[in-house]
All heavy atoms as atom14 arrays in JSON, in Angstrom:
{
  "sequence": "SILLGLGQGQSRLYRVNGVSLWVVFLACRVVTIPVWWAQFSQHVTSD",
  "atom14_mask": [
    [1, 1, 1, 1, 1, 1, 0, 0, 0, 0, 0, 0, 0, 0],
    [1, 1, 1, 1, 1, 1, 1, 1, 0, 0, 0, 0, 0, 0],
    [1, 1, 1, 1, 1, 1, 1, 1, 0, 0, 0, 0, 0, 0],
    [1, 1, 1, 1, 1, 1, 1, 1, 0, 0, 0, 0, 0, 0],
    [1, 1, 1, 1, 0, 0, 0, 0, 0, 0, 0, 0, 0, 0],
    [1, 1, 1, 1, 1, 1, 1, 1, 0, 0, 0, 0, 0, 0],
    [1, 1, 1, 1, 0, 0, 0, 0, 0, 0, 0, 0, 0, 0],
    [1, 1, 1, 1, 1, 1, 1, 1, 1, 0, 0, 0, 0, 0],
    [1, 1, 1, 1, 0, 0, 0, 0, 0, 0, 0, 0, 0, 0],
    [1, 1, 1, 1, 1, 1, 1, 1, 1, 0, 0, 0, 0, 0],
    [1, 1, 1, 1, 1, 1, 0, 0, 0, 0, 0, 0, 0, 0],
    [1, 1, 1, 1, 1, 1, 1, 1, 1, 1, 1, 0, 0, 0],
    [1, 1, 1, 1, 1, 1, 1, 1, 0, 0, 0, 0, 0, 0],
    [1, 1, 1, 1, 1, 1, 1, 1, 1, 1, 1, 1, 0, 0],
    [1, 1, 1, 1, 1, 1, 1, 1, 1, 1, 1, 0, 0, 0],
    [1, 1, 1, 1, 1, 1, 1, 0, 0, 0, 0, 0, 0, 0],
    [1, 1, 1, 1, 1, 1, 1, 1, 0, 0, 0, 0, 0, 0],
    [1, 1, 1, 1, 0, 0, 0, 0, 0, 0, 0, 0, 0, 0],
    [1, 1, 1, 1, 1, 1, 1, 0, 0, 0, 0, 0, 0, 0],
    [1, 1, 1, 1, 1, 1, 0, 0, 0, 0, 0, 0, 0, 0],
    [1, 1, 1, 1, 1, 1, 1, 1, 0, 0, 0, 0, 0, 0],
    [1, 1, 1, 1, 1, 1, 1, 1, 1, 1, 1, 1, 1, 1],
    [1, 1, 1, 1, 1, 1, 1, 0, 0, 0, 0, 0, 0, 0],
    [1, 1, 1, 1, 1, 1, 1, 0, 0, 0, 0, 0, 0, 0],
    [1, 1, 1, 1, 1, 1, 1, 1, 1, 1, 1, 0, 0, 0],
    [1, 1, 1, 1, 1, 1, 1, 1, 0, 0, 0, 0, 0, 0],
    [1, 1, 1, 1, 1, 0, 0, 0, 0, 0, 0, 0, 0, 0],
    [1, 1, 1, 1, 1, 1, 0, 0, 0, 0, 0, 0, 0, 0],
    [1, 1, 1, 1, 1, 1, 1, 1, 1, 1, 1, 0, 0, 0],
    [1, 1, 1, 1, 1, 1, 1, 0, 0, 0, 0, 0, 0, 0],
    [1, 1, 1, 1, 1, 1, 1, 0, 0, 0, 0, 0, 0, 0],
    [1, 1, 1, 1, 1, 1, 1, 0, 0, 0, 0, 0, 0, 0],
    [1, 1, 1, 1, 1, 1, 1, 1, 0, 0, 0, 0, 0, 0],
    [1, 1, 1, 1, 1, 1, 1, 0, 0, 0, 0, 0, 0, 0],
    [1, 1, 1, 1, 1, 1, 1, 0, 0, 0, 0, 0, 0, 0],
    [1, 1, 1, 1, 1, 1, 1, 1, 1, 1, 1, 1, 1, 1],
    [1, 1, 1, 1, 1, 1, 1, 1, 1, 1, 1, 1, 1, 1],
    [1, 1, 1, 1, 1, 0, 0, 0, 0, 0, 0, 0, 0, 0],
    [1, 1, 1, 1, 1, 1, 1, 1, 1, 0, 0, 0, 0, 0],
    [1, 1, 1, 1, 1, 1, 1, 1, 1, 1, 1, 0, 0, 0],
    [1, 1, 1, 1, 1, 1, 0, 0, 0, 0, 0, 0, 0, 0],
    [1, 1, 1, 1, 1, 1, 1, 1, 1, 0, 0, 0, 0, 0],
    [1, 1, 1, 1, 1, 1, 1, 1, 1, 1, 0, 0, 0, 0],
    [1, 1, 1, 1, 1, 1, 1, 0, 0, 0, 0, 0, 0, 0],
    [1, 1, 1, 1, 1, 1, 1, 0, 0, 0, 0, 0, 0, 0],
    [1, 1, 1, 1, 1, 1, 0, 0, 0, 0, 0, 0, 0, 0],
    [1, 1, 1, 1, 1, 1, 1, 1, 0, 0, 0, 0, 0, 0]
  ],
  "atom14_positions": [
    [[-9.35, -2.92, 10.54], [-9.85, -2.23, 11.74], [-11.23, -2.75, 12.13], [-11.54, -2.91, 13.32], [-9.91, -0.72, 11.49], [-8.62, -0.2, 11.22], [0.0, 0.0, 0.0], [0.0, 0.0, 0.0], [0.0, 0.0, 0.0], [0.0, 0.0, 0.0], [0.0, 0.0, 0.0], [0.0, 0.0, 0.0], [0.0, 0.0, 0.0], [0.0, 0.0, 0.0]],
    [[-12.07, -3.01, 11.13], [-13.42, -3.51, 11.4], [-13.35, -4.89, 12.04], [-14.04, -5.17, 13.04], [-14.24, -3.55, 10.09], [-14.53, -2.12, 9.61], [-15.53, -4.33, 10.29], [-15.12, -2.06, 8.21], [0.0, 0.0, 0.0], [0.0, 0.0, 0.0], [0.0, 0.0, 0.0], [0.0, 0.0, 0.0], [0.0, 0.0, 0.0], [0.0, 0.0, 0.0]],
    [[-12.53, -5.78, 11.49], [-12.41, -7.13, 12.03], [-11.88, -7.1, 13.47], [-12.37, -7.83, 14.34], [-11.5, -7.98, 11.15], [-12.05, -8.31, 9.75], [-10.99, -9.0, 8.91], [-13.29, -9.19, 9.86], [0.0, 0.0, 0.0], [0.0, 0.0, 0.0], [0.0, 0.0, 0.0], [0.0, 0.0, 0.0], [0.0, 0.0, 0.0], [0.0, 0.0, 0.0]],
    [[-10.89, -6.25, 13.71], [-10.37, -6.12, 15.07], [-11.45, -5.62, 16.02], [-11.62, -6.14, 17.13], [-9.17, -5.16, 15.09], [-7.79, -5.74, 14.81], [-6.75, -4.63, 14.81], [-7.43, -6.8, 15.84], [0.0, 0.0, 0.0], [0.0, 0.0, 0.0], [0.0, 0.0, 0.0], [0.0, 0.0, 0.0], [0.0, 0.0, 0.0], [0.0, 0.0, 0.0]],
    [[-12.17, -4.61, 15.58], [-13.21, -4.02, 16.42], [-14.33, -4.99, 16.74], [-14.96, -4.9, 17.79], [0.0, 0.0, 0.0], [0.0, 0.0, 0.0], [0.0, 0.0, 0.0], [0.0, 0.0, 0.0], [0.0, 0.0, 0.0], [0.0, 0.0, 0.0], [0.0, 0.0, 0.0], [0.0, 0.0, 0.0], [0.0, 0.0, 0.0], [0.0, 0.0, 0.0]],
    [[-14.57, -5.93, 15.83], [-15.64, -6.92, 16.03], [-15.13, -8.19, 16.71], [-15.85, -9.19, 16.76], [-16.3, -7.26, 14.69], [-17.03, -6.12, 13.99], [-17.56, -6.57, 12.64], [-18.16, -5.58, 14.86], [0.0, 0.0, 0.0], [0.0, 0.0, 0.0], [0.0, 0.0, 0.0], [0.0, 0.0, 0.0], [0.0, 0.0, 0.0], [0.0, 0.0, 0.0]],
    [[-13.88, -8.16, 17.16], [-13.34, -9.3, 17.88], [-12.93, -10.46, 17.01], [-12.88, -11.6, 17.48], [0.0, 0.0, 0.0], [0.0, 0.0, 0.0], [0.0, 0.0, 0.0], [0.0, 0.0, 0.0], [0.0, 0.0, 0.0], [0.0, 0.0, 0.0], [0.0, 0.0, 0.0], [0.0, 0.0, 0.0], [0.0, 0.0, 0.0], [0.0, 0.0, 0.0]],
    [[-12.62, -10.2, 15.74], [-12.24, -11.27, 14.82], [-10.75, -11.2, 14.45], [-10.35, -11.55, 13.35], [-13.11, -11.19, 13.56], [-14.59, -11.36, 13.85], [-15.44, -11.32, 12.6], [-15.0, -11.7, 11.51], [-16.69, -10.87, 12.73], [0.0, 0.0, 0.0], [0.0, 0.0, 0.0], [0.0, 0.0, 0.0], [0.0, 0.0, 0.0], [0.0, 0.0, 0.0]],
    [[-9.95, -10.75, 15.4], [-8.52, -10.6, 15.16], [-7.76, -11.9, 15.01], [-6.58, -11.87, 14.63], [0.0, 0.0, 0.0], [0.0, 0.0, 0.0], [0.0, 0.0, 0.0], [0.0, 0.0, 0.0], [0.0, 0.0, 0.0], [0.0, 0.0, 0.0], [0.0, 0.0, 0.0], [0.0, 0.0, 0.0], [0.0, 0.0, 0.0], [0.0, 0.0, 0.0]],
    [[-8.39, -13.02, 15.33], [-7.72, -14.31, 15.18], [-8.28, -15.12, 14.01], [-7.9, -16.28, 13.83], [-7.88, -15.13, 16.48], [-7.27, -14.47, 17.71], [-5.77, -14.25, 17.55], [-5.06, -15.11, 17.02], [-5.29, -13.1, 18.01], [0.0, 0.0, 0.0], [0.0, 0.0, 0.0], [0.0, 0.0, 0.0], [0.0, 0.0, 0.0], [0.0, 0.0, 0.0]],
    [[-9.17, -14.53, 13.23], [-9.81, -15.27, 12.14], [-8.88, -15.41, 10.93], [-7.92, -14.66, 10.78], [-11.09, -14.55, 11.7], [-10.79, -13.29, 11.13], [0.0, 0.0, 0.0], [0.0, 0.0, 0.0], [0.0, 0.0, 0.0], [0.0, 0.0, 0.0], [0.0, 0.0, 0.0], [0.0, 0.0, 0.0], [0.0, 0.0, 0.0], [0.0, 0.0, 0.0]],
    [[-9.19, -16.38, 10.08], [-8.42, -16.56, 8.86], [-8.54, -15.35, 7.94], [-7.57, -14.93, 7.31], [-8.88, -17.82, 8.12], [-8.17, -18.04, 6.79], [-8.62, -19.31, 6.11], [-8.27, -20.49, 6.89], [-8.56, -21.73, 6.51], [-9.23, -21.94, 5.38], [-8.21, -22.76, 7.25], [0.0, 0.0, 0.0], [0.0, 0.0, 0.0], [0.0, 0.0, 0.0]],
    [[-9.76, -14.78, 7.89], [-9.97, -13.6, 7.07], [-9.06, -12.47, 7.51], [-8.49, -11.75, 6.68], [-11.43, -13.15, 7.14], [-11.79, -11.85, 6.4], [-11.46, -11.95, 4.91], [-13.28, -11.52, 6.61], [0.0, 0.0, 0.0], [0.0, 0.0, 0.0], [0.0, 0.0, 0.0], [0.0, 0.0, 0.0], [0.0, 0.0, 0.0], [0.0, 0.0, 0.0]],
    [[-8.89, -12.3, 8.81], [-8.03, -11.25, 9.34], [-6.58, -11.48, 8.89], [-5.89, -10.54, 8.49], [-8.11, -11.2, 10.86], [-7.23, -10.16, 11.49], [-7.63, -8.83, 11.57], [-5.97, -10.5, 11.99], [-6.81, -7.87, 12.13], [-5.14, -9.55, 12.55], [-5.57, -8.23, 12.63], [-4.75, -7.28, 13.19], [0.0, 0.0, 0.0], [0.0, 0.0, 0.0]],
    [[-6.12, -12.73, 8.95], [-4.74, -13.04, 8.56], [-4.52, -12.8, 7.07], [-3.53, -12.18, 6.67], [-4.41, -14.49, 8.92], [-4.38, -14.76, 10.41], [-3.68, -16.08, 10.7], [-4.39, -17.21, 10.1], [-5.35, -17.9, 10.72], [-5.72, -17.56, 11.94], [-5.93, -18.92, 10.12], [0.0, 0.0, 0.0], [0.0, 0.0, 0.0], [0.0, 0.0, 0.0]],
    [[-5.45, -13.29, 6.25], [-5.33, -13.1, 4.8], [-5.38, -11.63, 4.44], [-4.61, -11.14, 3.61], [-6.44, -13.89, 4.06], [-6.43, -13.55, 2.58], [-6.26, -15.39, 4.27], [0.0, 0.0, 0.0], [0.0, 0.0, 0.0], [0.0, 0.0, 0.0], [0.0, 0.0, 0.0], [0.0, 0.0, 0.0], [0.0, 0.0, 0.0], [0.0, 0.0, 0.0]],
    [[-6.29, -10.92, 5.08], [-6.43, -9.48, 4.81], [-5.17, -8.73, 5.21], [-4.75, -7.79, 4.52], [-7.63, -8.92, 5.57], [-7.82, -7.44, 5.33], [-8.3, -7.02, 4.28], [-7.44, -6.62, 6.3], [0.0, 0.0, 0.0], [0.0, 0.0, 0.0], [0.0, 0.0, 0.0], [0.0, 0.0, 0.0], [0.0, 0.0, 0.0], [0.0, 0.0, 0.0]],
    [[-4.54, -9.13, 6.32], [-3.32, -8.46, 6.78], [-2.18, -8.59, 5.79], [-1.48, -7.61, 5.49], [0.0, 0.0, 0.0], [0.0, 0.0, 0.0], [0.0, 0.0, 0.0], [0.0, 0.0, 0.0], [0.0, 0.0, 0.0], [0.0, 0.0, 0.0], [0.0, 0.0, 0.0], [0.0, 0.0, 0.0], [0.0, 0.0, 0.0], [0.0, 0.0, 0.0]],
    [[-1.99, -9.79, 5.26], [-0.94, -10.01, 4.26], [-1.28, -9.25, 2.97], [-0.4, -8.64, 2.35], [-0.77, -11.52, 3.97], [0.23, -11.72, 2.84], [-0.31, -12.24, 5.23], [0.0, 0.0, 0.0], [0.0, 0.0, 0.0], [0.0, 0.0, 0.0], [0.0, 0.0, 0.0], [0.0, 0.0, 0.0], [0.0, 0.0, 0.0], [0.0, 0.0, 0.0]],
    [[-2.55, -9.26, 2.59], [-2.98, -8.54, 1.39], [-2.74, -7.04, 1.55], [-2.31, -6.36, 0.6], [-4.47, -8.8, 1.11], [-4.71, -10.17, 0.92], [0.0, 0.0, 0.0], [0.0, 0.0, 0.0], [0.0, 0.0, 0.0], [0.0, 0.0, 0.0], [0.0, 0.0, 0.0], [0.0, 0.0, 0.0], [0.0, 0.0, 0.0], [0.0, 0.0, 0.0]],
    [[-3.03, -6.52, 2.74], [-2.78, -5.1, 3.01], [-1.32, -4.76, 2.81], [-0.98, -3.76, 2.17], [-3.22, -4.76, 4.43], [-2.79, -3.38, 4.97], [-3.37, -2.26, 4.12], [-3.21, -3.23, 6.44], [0.0, 0.0, 0.0], [0.0, 0.0, 0.0], [0.0, 0.0, 0.0], [0.0, 0.0, 0.0], [0.0, 0.0, 0.0], [0.0, 0.0, 0.0]],
    [[-0.43, -5.6, 3.34], [1.01, -5.36, 3.22], [1.43, -5.33, 1.74], [2.16, -4.44, 1.32], [1.79, -6.43, 3.97], [3.25, -6.17, 4.04], [3.93, -5.43, 4.96], [4.25, -6.65, 3.1], [5.27, -5.41, 4.67], [5.5, -6.15, 3.55], [4.2, -7.44, 1.97], [6.69, -6.42, 2.87], [5.38, -7.7, 1.29], [6.6, -7.21, 1.74]],
    [[0.95, -6.29, 0.97], [1.33, -6.4, -0.44], [0.81, -5.2, -1.24], [1.54, -4.57, -2.01], [0.81, -7.72, -1.05], [1.03, -7.74, -2.56], [1.49, -8.91, -0.4], [0.0, 0.0, 0.0], [0.0, 0.0, 0.0], [0.0, 0.0, 0.0], [0.0, 0.0, 0.0], [0.0, 0.0, 0.0], [0.0, 0.0, 0.0], [0.0, 0.0, 0.0]],
    [[-0.48, -4.88, -1.06], [-1.09, -3.79, -1.84], [-0.51, -2.44, -1.42], [-0.25, -1.58, -2.26], [-2.62, -3.8, -1.68], [-3.24, -2.61, -2.41], [-3.2, -5.09, -2.22], [0.0, 0.0, 0.0], [0.0, 0.0, 0.0], [0.0, 0.0, 0.0], [0.0, 0.0, 0.0], [0.0, 0.0, 0.0], [0.0, 0.0, 0.0], [0.0, 0.0, 0.0]],
    [[-0.29, -2.25, -0.12], [0.3, -1.0, 0.36], [1.7, -0.82, -0.25], [2.06, 0.27, -0.7], [0.38, -1.0, 1.88], [0.53, 0.36, 2.5], [-0.57, 0.99, 3.07], [1.75, 1.02, 2.51], [-0.45, 2.25, 3.65], [1.89, 2.27, 3.07], [0.78, 2.9, 3.64], [0.0, 0.0, 0.0], [0.0, 0.0, 0.0], [0.0, 0.0, 0.0]],
    [[2.48, -1.89, -0.25], [3.82, -1.83, -0.84], [3.73, -1.46, -2.32], [4.48, -0.6, -2.81], [4.51, -3.18, -0.68], [5.86, -3.36, -1.39], [6.91, -2.43, -0.78], [6.33, -4.82, -1.31], [0.0, 0.0, 0.0], [0.0, 0.0, 0.0], [0.0, 0.0, 0.0], [0.0, 0.0, 0.0], [0.0, 0.0, 0.0], [0.0, 0.0, 0.0]],
    [[2.8, -2.1, -3.04], [2.71, -1.92, -4.49], [2.23, -0.52, -4.87], [2.77, 0.09, -5.81], [1.79, -2.97, -5.1], [0.0, 0.0, 0.0], [0.0, 0.0, 0.0], [0.0, 0.0, 0.0], [0.0, 0.0, 0.0], [0.0, 0.0, 0.0], [0.0, 0.0, 0.0], [0.0, 0.0, 0.0], [0.0, 0.0, 0.0], [0.0, 0.0, 0.0]],
    [[1.22, 0.01, -4.16], [0.61, 1.25, -4.63], [1.02, 2.49, -3.86], [0.71, 3.62, -4.29], [-0.92, 1.12, -4.63], [-1.66, 0.98, -3.0], [0.0, 0.0, 0.0], [0.0, 0.0, 0.0], [0.0, 0.0, 0.0], [0.0, 0.0, 0.0], [0.0, 0.0, 0.0], [0.0, 0.0, 0.0], [0.0, 0.0, 0.0], [0.0, 0.0, 0.0]],
    [[1.74, 2.32, -2.74], [2.13, 3.5, -1.97], [3.64, 3.63, -1.75], [4.12, 4.71, -1.41], [1.43, 3.5, -0.6], [-0.06, 3.82, -0.68], [-0.68, 3.84, 0.7], [-2.1, 4.17, 0.67], [-2.59, 5.37, 0.97], [-1.77, 6.35, 1.31], [-3.88, 5.59, 0.94], [0.0, 0.0, 0.0], [0.0, 0.0, 0.0], [0.0, 0.0, 0.0]],
    [[4.38, 2.53, -1.91], [5.82, 2.57, -1.65], [6.63, 2.41, -2.93], [7.46, 3.25, -3.26], [6.22, 1.49, -0.62], [7.74, 1.5, -0.4], [5.5, 1.72, 0.71], [0.0, 0.0, 0.0], [0.0, 0.0, 0.0], [0.0, 0.0, 0.0], [0.0, 0.0, 0.0], [0.0, 0.0, 0.0], [0.0, 0.0, 0.0], [0.0, 0.0, 0.0]],
    [[6.36, 1.34, -3.67], [7.09, 1.11, -4.93], [6.87, 2.26, -5.91], [7.76, 2.6, -6.7], [6.63, -0.23, -5.56], [7.22, -0.4, -6.95], [7.02, -1.39, -4.66], [0.0, 0.0, 0.0], [0.0, 0.0, 0.0], [0.0, 0.0, 0.0], [0.0, 0.0, 0.0], [0.0, 0.0, 0.0], [0.0, 0.0, 0.0], [0.0, 0.0, 0.0]],
    [[5.7, 2.88, -5.84], [5.38, 3.96, -6.78], [6.14, 5.26, -6.5], [6.17, 6.14, -7.36], [3.87, 4.26, -6.75], [3.47, 4.53, -5.4], [3.07, 3.1, -7.29], [0.0, 0.0, 0.0], [0.0, 0.0, 0.0], [0.0, 0.0, 0.0], [0.0, 0.0, 0.0], [0.0, 0.0, 0.0], [0.0, 0.0, 0.0], [0.0, 0.0, 0.0]],
    [[6.73, 5.39, -5.32], [7.43, 6.65, -4.99], [8.57, 6.93, -5.96], [8.6, 7.99, -6.6], [7.92, 6.63, -3.53], [6.73, 6.63, -2.56], [8.83, 7.84, -3.26], [7.12, 6.5, -1.09], [0.0, 0.0, 0.0], [0.0, 0.0, 0.0], [0.0, 0.0, 0.0], [0.0, 0.0, 0.0], [0.0, 0.0, 0.0], [0.0, 0.0, 0.0]],
    [[9.54, 6.02, -6.12], [10.62, 6.31, -7.08], [10.13, 6.36, -8.52], [10.68, 7.12, -9.34], [11.62, 5.16, -6.88], [10.81, 4.06, -6.26], [9.77, 4.74, -5.41], [0.0, 0.0, 0.0], [0.0, 0.0, 0.0], [0.0, 0.0, 0.0], [0.0, 0.0, 0.0], [0.0, 0.0, 0.0], [0.0, 0.0, 0.0], [0.0, 0.0, 0.0]],
    [[9.11, 5.56, -8.85], [8.55, 5.58, -10.21], [7.98, 6.96, -10.51], [8.22, 7.54, -11.59], [7.47, 4.5, -10.37], [6.81, 4.6, -11.74], [8.05, 3.1, -10.16], [0.0, 0.0, 0.0], [0.0, 0.0, 0.0], [0.0, 0.0, 0.0], [0.0, 0.0, 0.0], [0.0, 0.0, 0.0], [0.0, 0.0, 0.0], [0.0, 0.0, 0.0]],
    [[7.22, 7.5, -9.57], [6.59, 8.82, -9.73], [7.65, 9.89, -9.97], [7.56, 10.67, -10.93], [5.77, 9.15, -8.49], [4.79, 10.27, -8.63], [3.46, 10.17, -8.9], [5.06, 11.68, -8.48], [2.87, 11.41, -8.94], [3.83, 12.36, -8.69], [6.2, 12.42, -8.21], [3.72, 13.75, -8.62], [6.1, 13.82, -8.14], [4.88, 14.45, -8.34]],
    [[8.65, 9.93, -9.11], [9.65, 10.99, -9.21], [10.55, 10.82, -10.44], [10.97, 11.8, -11.05], [10.49, 11.05, -7.93], [9.75, 11.67, -6.8], [9.2, 11.05, -5.72], [9.44, 13.06, -6.65], [8.57, 11.95, -4.91], [8.7, 13.2, -5.45], [9.72, 14.2, -7.4], [8.24, 14.43, -4.99], [9.26, 15.43, -6.94], [8.53, 15.54, -5.76]],
    [[10.84, 9.59, -10.81], [11.67, 9.36, -12.0], [10.97, 9.87, -13.25], [11.59, 10.48, -14.13], [11.97, 7.86, -12.14], [0.0, 0.0, 0.0], [0.0, 0.0, 0.0], [0.0, 0.0, 0.0], [0.0, 0.0, 0.0], [0.0, 0.0, 0.0], [0.0, 0.0, 0.0], [0.0, 0.0, 0.0], [0.0, 0.0, 0.0], [0.0, 0.0, 0.0]],
    [[9.65, 9.67, -13.34], [8.91, 10.12, -14.51], [8.6, 11.62, -14.45], [8.53, 12.29, -15.47], [7.61, 9.32, -14.66], [7.85, 7.85, -14.97], [6.57, 7.11, -15.24], [5.63, 7.15, -14.46], [6.52, 6.39, -16.36], [0.0, 0.0, 0.0], [0.0, 0.0, 0.0], [0.0, 0.0, 0.0], [0.0, 0.0, 0.0], [0.0, 0.0, 0.0]],
    [[8.43, 12.13, -13.24], [8.11, 13.55, -13.1], [9.33, 14.45, -13.29], [9.19, 15.62, -13.64], [7.5, 13.81, -11.71], [7.03, 15.21, -11.51], [5.88, 15.67, -12.15], [7.73, 16.09, -10.71], [5.44, 16.97, -11.98], [7.3, 17.39, -10.52], [6.14, 17.83, -11.16], [0.0, 0.0, 0.0], [0.0, 0.0, 0.0], [0.0, 0.0, 0.0]],
    [[10.51, 13.91, -13.12], [11.74, 14.73, -13.18], [11.92, 15.42, -14.53], [12.54, 16.49, -14.6], [12.96, 13.86, -12.87], [13.09, 12.82, -13.84], [0.0, 0.0, 0.0], [0.0, 0.0, 0.0], [0.0, 0.0, 0.0], [0.0, 0.0, 0.0], [0.0, 0.0, 0.0], [0.0, 0.0, 0.0], [0.0, 0.0, 0.0], [0.0, 0.0, 0.0]],
    [[11.37, 14.84, -15.6], [11.51, 15.47, -16.93], [10.86, 16.84, -16.97], [11.27, 17.71, -17.74], [10.88, 14.57, -17.99], [9.38, 14.35, -17.81], [8.76, 13.49, -18.89], [8.93, 13.74, -20.08], [8.03, 12.45, -18.48], [0.0, 0.0, 0.0], [0.0, 0.0, 0.0], [0.0, 0.0, 0.0], [0.0, 0.0, 0.0], [0.0, 0.0, 0.0]],
    [[9.83, 17.06, -16.13], [9.13, 18.34, -16.13], [9.8, 19.36, -15.21], [9.63, 20.57, -15.41], [7.68, 18.14, -15.7], [6.93, 17.16, -16.55], [6.73, 17.36, -17.91], [6.36, 15.96, -16.25], [6.05, 16.33, -18.4], [5.83, 15.47, -17.43], [0.0, 0.0, 0.0], [0.0, 0.0, 0.0], [0.0, 0.0, 0.0], [0.0, 0.0, 0.0]],
    [[10.55, 18.88, -14.24], [11.2, 19.79, -13.29], [12.28, 20.61, -13.99], [12.49, 21.79, -13.68], [11.8, 18.99, -12.11], [12.56, 19.91, -11.16], [10.71, 18.24, -11.37], [0.0, 0.0, 0.0], [0.0, 0.0, 0.0], [0.0, 0.0, 0.0], [0.0, 0.0, 0.0], [0.0, 0.0, 0.0], [0.0, 0.0, 0.0], [0.0, 0.0, 0.0]],
    [[12.97, 20.0, -14.94], [14.08, 20.68, -15.62], [13.64, 21.4, -16.9], [14.47, 21.8, -17.69], [15.16, 19.64, -15.97], [14.57, 18.59, -16.75], [15.76, 19.05, -14.7], [0.0, 0.0, 0.0], [0.0, 0.0, 0.0], [0.0, 0.0, 0.0], [0.0, 0.0, 0.0], [0.0, 0.0, 0.0], [0.0, 0.0, 0.0], [0.0, 0.0, 0.0]],
    [[12.34, 21.57, -17.07], [11.83, 22.26, -18.26], [10.92, 23.4, -17.82], [10.8, 23.7, -16.64], [11.06, 21.28, -19.16], [9.85, 20.87, -18.52], [0.0, 0.0, 0.0], [0.0, 0.0, 0.0], [0.0, 0.0, 0.0], [0.0, 0.0, 0.0], [0.0, 0.0, 0.0], [0.0, 0.0, 0.0], [0.0, 0.0, 0.0], [0.0, 0.0, 0.0]],
    [[10.27, 24.02, -18.79], [9.33, 25.1, -18.48], [7.88, 24.6, -18.41], [6.94, 25.39, -18.46], [9.43, 26.2, -19.56], [10.79, 26.87, -19.57], [11.39, 26.96, -18.48], [11.25, 27.28, -20.65], [0.0, 0.0, 0.0], [0.0, 0.0, 0.0], [0.0, 0.0, 0.0], [0.0, 0.0, 0.0], [0.0, 0.0, 0.0], [0.0, 0.0, 0.0]]
  ]
}
């Protein structure tokens, strides 16, 4: 958002950052969803 706001939307840094955002977002916010629930399920069926 900062790079876009400063008019650097065509820079190499913007491109590298965009791909990095996609990879990190996938790793820490999407892939973790089934992992979280699979591990948490052991507590749902107990007291």
